[in-house]
Amino acid sequence: RQYGKYHGLINVSEAIEVSCNYFFYDVGRRLGIDLLVDYATRFGLGQKTGIELEESSGVMAGPEYTESMGGTWYEGSVLSVAIGQESSQFTPIQLASYISTLVNGGTRKPTHLLKEIKSSDYSQIVETYEPEVLSTCPICDDAYYAYTTGMRMAVSDDRGTVKSYLGDYPVAVAGKTGTAQHSSQGSDNGSFVCYAPYEDPQIAIAVFVEKGAQGGNLSRVAKAIMDVYFGQTQQANAELPGENVGN
């Protein structure tokens, strides 16, 4: 319920579409904090991504962390954790990795910048990056369909939280907005995650802006990134001889 309105009876796809906190409060209550922490860890939240730079591991909220900070964990705290709040602290690159893992069917790979290392005269390739699997969390077809459909509905359907920003984008995008409250004055923190194309994922994006008000606002940043990515891809395909090669 927000601004005197109700979402009514909805399923998980619709809850993602309209970003219904109450739906996920109940999901968190039913699952319990232990299961939430377990799955979040499998998907890399609160874990280092493996990128070849110094990075923070972030925090997956739960009793252990709260008590380590001298706080008291309450049973009701799981409701806030279920919508990504409480003491949860995730880096943007973790969120991008998380979305990649979701669309990869639960296979999490390291985030990396390095493709290959060449000799000083560029005559030989000394080392080539070989992708590895950090963790797996098998996802059934029904679950995969439910959350990917919900993320697509958030962009394409009239009730979707980013319909007004990306609904007419020429590439089918699936995304999710996030708005996190904080104790300081000013606007809420905003986040937005997405991937595209919807049917054949190639790119995952995470945007976070402190006091960015609402996640939907940030989809314009993601749009600018996709403009460059898909514009370059189309140009490269157009330069190939003969028929364009599909991805």
Protein backbone atom coordinates (compact mmCIF):
# COMPACT_ATOMS: atom_id res chain seq x y z
CA ARG A 1 0.00 0.00 0.00
CA GLN A 2 1.46 3.37 -1.00
CA TYR A 3 -0.16 6.73 -1.59
CA GLY A 4 -3.54 5.22 -0.60
CA LYS A 5 -3.37 2.49 -3.26
CA TYR A 6 -3.18 -1.30 -3.07
CA HIS A 7 -1.58 -3.81 -5.41
CA GLY A 8 -4.19 -6.41 -4.58
CA LEU A 9 -3.60 -10.14 -4.92
CA ILE A 10 -0.34 -10.60 -6.85
CA ASN A 11 2.18 -13.34 -7.62
CA VAL A 12 5.96 -13.08 -7.45
CA SER A 13 6.35 -11.82 -11.03
CA GLU A 14 3.85 -9.05 -10.40
CA ALA A 15 5.52 -8.24 -7.07
CA ILE A 16 8.79 -7.67 -8.91
CA GLU A 17 6.98 -5.63 -11.56
CA VAL A 18 5.45 -3.19 -9.08
CA SER A 19 8.20 -3.51 -6.43
CA CYS A 20 5.82 -4.56 -3.66
CA ASN A 21 7.60 -4.54 -0.29
CA TYR A 22 4.76 -6.29 1.50
CA PHE A 23 4.99 -9.33 -0.76
CA PHE A 24 8.66 -9.76 0.01
CA TYR A 25 8.17 -9.07 3.72
CA ASP A 26 6.03 -12.19 3.77
CA VAL A 27 8.53 -14.16 1.67
CA GLY A 28 11.25 -13.27 4.18
CA ARG A 29 9.03 -14.21 7.12
CA ARG A 30 8.31 -17.61 5.60
CA LEU A 31 11.89 -18.38 4.57
CA GLY A 32 13.61 -17.18 7.74
CA ILE A 33 16.95 -15.43 8.02
CA ASP A 34 19.14 -18.55 7.79
CA LEU A 35 17.78 -19.52 4.38
CA LEU A 36 17.92 -15.94 3.12
CA VAL A 37 21.59 -15.65 4.13
CA ASP A 38 22.38 -19.04 2.59
CA TYR A 39 20.96 -18.17 -0.82
CA ALA A 40 22.30 -14.63 -0.81
CA THR A 41 25.78 -16.02 -0.19
CA ARG A 42 25.44 -18.52 -3.04
CA PHE A 43 24.55 -15.65 -5.35
CA GLY A 44 27.58 -13.66 -4.23
CA LEU A 45 25.97 -11.01 -2.03
CA GLY A 46 28.36 -10.05 0.74
CA GLN A 47 31.14 -11.87 -1.16
CA LYS A 48 34.06 -10.56 -3.19
CA THR A 49 33.52 -10.80 -6.94
CA GLY A 50 37.11 -11.65 -7.89
CA ILE A 51 37.73 -8.48 -9.88
CA GLU A 52 41.44 -7.66 -10.28
CA LEU A 53 41.19 -4.59 -8.05
CA GLU A 54 40.92 -3.99 -4.34
CA GLU A 55 37.28 -4.44 -3.38
CA SER A 56 35.04 -4.65 -0.34
CA SER A 57 33.19 -7.86 0.43
CA GLY A 58 30.15 -5.93 1.60
CA VAL A 59 27.72 -7.24 4.22
CA MET A 60 24.86 -9.70 4.07
CA ALA A 61 22.68 -8.73 7.01
CA GLY A 62 21.90 -11.31 9.67
CA PRO A 63 22.16 -12.10 13.39
CA GLU A 64 25.90 -12.81 13.25
CA TYR A 65 26.78 -9.43 11.76
CA THR A 66 24.36 -7.49 13.96
CA GLU A 67 25.71 -9.07 17.14
CA SER A 68 29.34 -8.58 16.00
CA MET A 69 28.57 -4.86 15.86
CA GLY A 70 27.16 -4.89 19.38
CA GLY A 71 23.54 -4.75 18.25
CA THR A 72 20.53 -6.90 19.03
CA TRP A 73 18.91 -9.05 16.41
CA TYR A 74 15.12 -9.18 16.45
CA GLU A 75 12.93 -11.75 14.74
CA GLY A 76 11.19 -8.97 12.81
CA SER A 77 14.51 -7.79 11.37
CA VAL A 78 14.17 -10.45 8.68
CA LEU A 79 11.45 -8.34 7.04
CA SER A 80 13.90 -5.52 6.34
CA VAL A 81 16.54 -7.97 5.15
CA ALA A 82 14.03 -9.46 2.68
CA ILE A 83 13.83 -6.14 0.81
CA GLY A 84 17.59 -5.55 0.88
CA GLN A 85 17.73 -3.23 3.87
CA GLU A 86 18.59 -3.61 7.60
CA SER A 87 22.42 -3.75 7.67
CA SER A 88 22.82 -5.12 4.13
CA GLN A 89 25.63 -3.44 2.22
CA PHE A 90 26.36 -4.54 -1.34
CA THR A 91 28.71 -3.01 -3.89
CA PRO A 92 27.44 -2.10 -7.37
CA ILE A 93 29.74 -4.72 -8.93
CA GLN A 94 28.23 -7.34 -6.59
CA LEU A 95 24.76 -6.38 -7.78
CA ALA A 96 25.83 -6.69 -11.42
CA SER A 97 27.39 -10.08 -10.66
CA TYR A 98 24.19 -11.11 -8.85
CA ILE A 99 22.06 -10.29 -11.90
CA SER A 100 24.51 -12.15 -14.16
CA THR A 101 24.24 -15.18 -11.91
CA LEU A 102 20.44 -15.06 -12.00
CA VAL A 103 20.31 -14.99 -15.80
CA ASN A 104 23.04 -17.64 -16.00
CA GLY A 105 20.72 -20.04 -14.21
CA GLY A 106 22.59 -19.89 -10.90
CA THR A 107 26.18 -20.22 -12.13
CA ARG A 108 28.39 -17.51 -10.60
CA LYS A 109 31.67 -16.63 -12.27
CA PRO A 110 34.33 -14.12 -11.21
CA THR A 111 34.08 -10.53 -12.37
CA HIS A 112 37.23 -9.62 -14.28
CA LEU A 113 38.86 -6.90 -16.35
CA LEU A 114 41.85 -8.88 -17.63
CA LYS A 115 41.45 -10.66 -20.98
CA GLU A 116 45.05 -11.54 -21.75
CA ILE A 117 48.66 -10.59 -20.99
CA LYS A 118 51.13 -10.10 -23.84
CA SER A 119 54.89 -9.94 -23.89
CA SER A 120 56.55 -6.51 -23.81
CA ASP A 121 56.91 -6.51 -27.62
CA TYR A 122 53.32 -7.76 -28.08
CA SER A 123 54.60 -10.75 -30.07
CA GLN A 124 53.31 -13.44 -27.68
CA ILE A 125 50.35 -14.02 -25.43
CA VAL A 126 51.81 -14.87 -22.04
CA GLU A 127 48.56 -15.54 -20.23
CA THR A 128 44.88 -15.71 -21.17
CA TYR A 129 42.05 -15.35 -18.73
CA GLU A 130 40.17 -18.61 -18.29
CA PRO A 131 36.73 -18.27 -16.68
CA GLU A 132 36.01 -20.40 -13.65
CA VAL A 133 32.93 -21.14 -11.59
CA LEU A 134 32.85 -19.66 -8.08
CA SER A 135 29.59 -21.25 -7.00
CA THR A 136 26.41 -22.76 -8.35
CA CYS A 137 22.83 -22.65 -7.19
CA PRO A 138 20.61 -24.64 -9.56
CA ILE A 139 17.40 -22.82 -10.46
CA CYS A 140 14.31 -24.67 -11.67
CA ASP A 141 12.57 -23.56 -14.85
CA ASP A 142 9.50 -22.27 -13.00
CA ALA A 143 11.57 -20.04 -10.73
CA TYR A 144 13.67 -18.75 -13.62
CA TYR A 145 10.54 -17.89 -15.57
CA ALA A 146 8.95 -16.17 -12.57
CA TYR A 147 11.73 -13.69 -11.81
CA THR A 148 12.83 -12.99 -15.37
CA THR A 149 9.20 -12.39 -16.36
CA GLY A 150 8.78 -10.05 -13.40
CA MET A 151 11.88 -8.08 -14.34
CA ARG A 152 10.67 -7.80 -17.92
CA MET A 153 7.21 -6.69 -16.73
CA ALA A 154 8.85 -3.95 -14.64
CA VAL A 155 10.05 -2.45 -17.91
CA SER A 156 7.31 -3.34 -20.39
CA ASP A 157 3.98 -3.33 -18.54
CA ASP A 158 1.96 -0.23 -17.68
CA ARG A 159 2.35 -0.80 -13.92
CA GLY A 160 6.08 -1.41 -14.24
CA THR A 161 8.38 0.79 -12.19
CA VAL A 162 10.54 1.76 -15.20
CA LYS A 163 7.96 1.60 -18.00
CA SER A 164 8.17 5.36 -18.55
CA TYR A 165 11.97 5.23 -18.92
CA LEU A 166 12.72 2.04 -20.88
CA GLY A 167 9.37 0.78 -22.11
CA ASP A 168 10.08 1.90 -25.69
CA TYR A 169 13.76 0.97 -25.76
CA PRO A 170 14.55 -0.86 -29.05
CA VAL A 171 16.24 -3.74 -27.19
CA ALA A 172 14.09 -5.75 -24.76
CA VAL A 173 15.33 -4.96 -21.24
CA ALA A 174 14.52 -6.64 -17.92
CA GLY A 175 15.20 -4.74 -14.70
CA LYS A 176 14.44 -4.03 -11.06
CA THR A 177 14.41 -0.77 -9.13
CA GLY A 178 15.57 -0.33 -5.54
CA THR A 179 14.99 2.46 -3.04
CA ALA A 180 16.79 2.23 0.31
CA GLN A 181 15.91 4.38 3.29
CA HIS A 182 18.63 5.73 5.57
CA SER A 183 18.82 7.60 8.83
CA SER A 184 20.41 10.80 7.50
CA GLN A 185 18.53 13.71 6.01
CA GLY A 186 17.81 13.99 2.31
CA SER A 187 16.49 11.71 -0.39
CA ASP A 188 16.58 7.92 -0.20
CA ASN A 189 19.38 5.98 -1.87
CA GLY A 190 18.47 4.66 -5.30
CA SER A 191 19.59 1.61 -7.24
CA PHE A 192 18.71 0.00 -10.53
CA VAL A 193 19.78 -3.33 -12.00
CA CYS A 194 18.99 -4.72 -15.44
CA TYR A 195 20.09 -7.04 -18.20
CA ALA A 196 19.54 -7.15 -21.96
CA PRO A 197 18.45 -8.47 -24.34
CA TYR A 198 15.71 -10.17 -22.37
CA GLU A 199 15.64 -13.36 -24.46
CA ASP A 200 19.41 -13.55 -25.05
CA PRO A 201 21.26 -11.81 -22.20
CA GLN A 202 24.56 -10.17 -23.13
CA ILE A 203 25.03 -7.37 -20.62
CA ALA A 204 24.17 -6.84 -16.94
CA ILE A 205 24.22 -3.37 -15.39
CA ALA A 206 23.97 -2.06 -11.83
CA VAL A 207 23.62 1.64 -11.02
CA PHE A 208 23.66 3.09 -7.51
CA VAL A 209 23.38 6.72 -6.47
CA GLU A 210 23.51 7.84 -2.86
CA LYS A 211 20.40 9.95 -2.18
CA GLY A 212 19.30 9.24 -5.72
CA ALA A 213 15.64 9.31 -4.60
CA GLN A 214 14.20 6.39 -6.63
CA GLY A 215 15.70 3.54 -8.57
CA GLY A 216 13.62 4.34 -11.63
CA ASN A 217 15.50 7.60 -12.08
CA LEU A 218 18.74 5.70 -12.51
CA SER A 219 17.49 3.67 -15.45
CA ARG A 220 18.50 6.65 -17.59
CA VAL A 221 22.14 5.94 -16.69
CA ALA A 222 21.68 2.29 -17.66
CA LYS A 223 20.07 3.41 -20.92
CA ALA A 224 23.13 5.52 -21.79
CA ILE A 225 25.39 2.49 -21.18
CA MET A 226 23.19 0.25 -23.34
CA ASP A 227 23.14 2.88 -26.09
CA VAL A 228 26.92 2.61 -26.33
CA TYR A 229 27.06 -1.18 -25.94
CA PHE A 230 24.38 -2.09 -28.44
CA GLY A 231 25.34 0.71 -30.80
CA GLN A 232 28.88 -0.64 -31.00
CA THR A 233 27.65 -4.22 -31.38
CA GLN A 234 25.35 -3.29 -34.25
CA GLN A 235 28.14 -1.34 -35.94
CA ALA A 236 30.56 -4.27 -35.62
CA ASN A 237 27.99 -6.69 -37.06
CA ALA A 238 27.24 -4.31 -39.92
CA GLU A 239 30.92 -4.28 -40.89
CA LEU A 240 31.08 -8.09 -41.20
CA PRO A 241 31.00 -9.46 -44.77
CA GLY A 242 27.82 -11.22 -45.80
CA GLU A 243 24.99 -11.74 -43.35
CA ASN A 244 25.17 -10.35 -39.85
CA VAL A 245 26.23 -12.84 -37.23
CA GLY A 246 23.84 -13.33 -34.31
CA ASN A 247 25.08 -13.29 -30.74
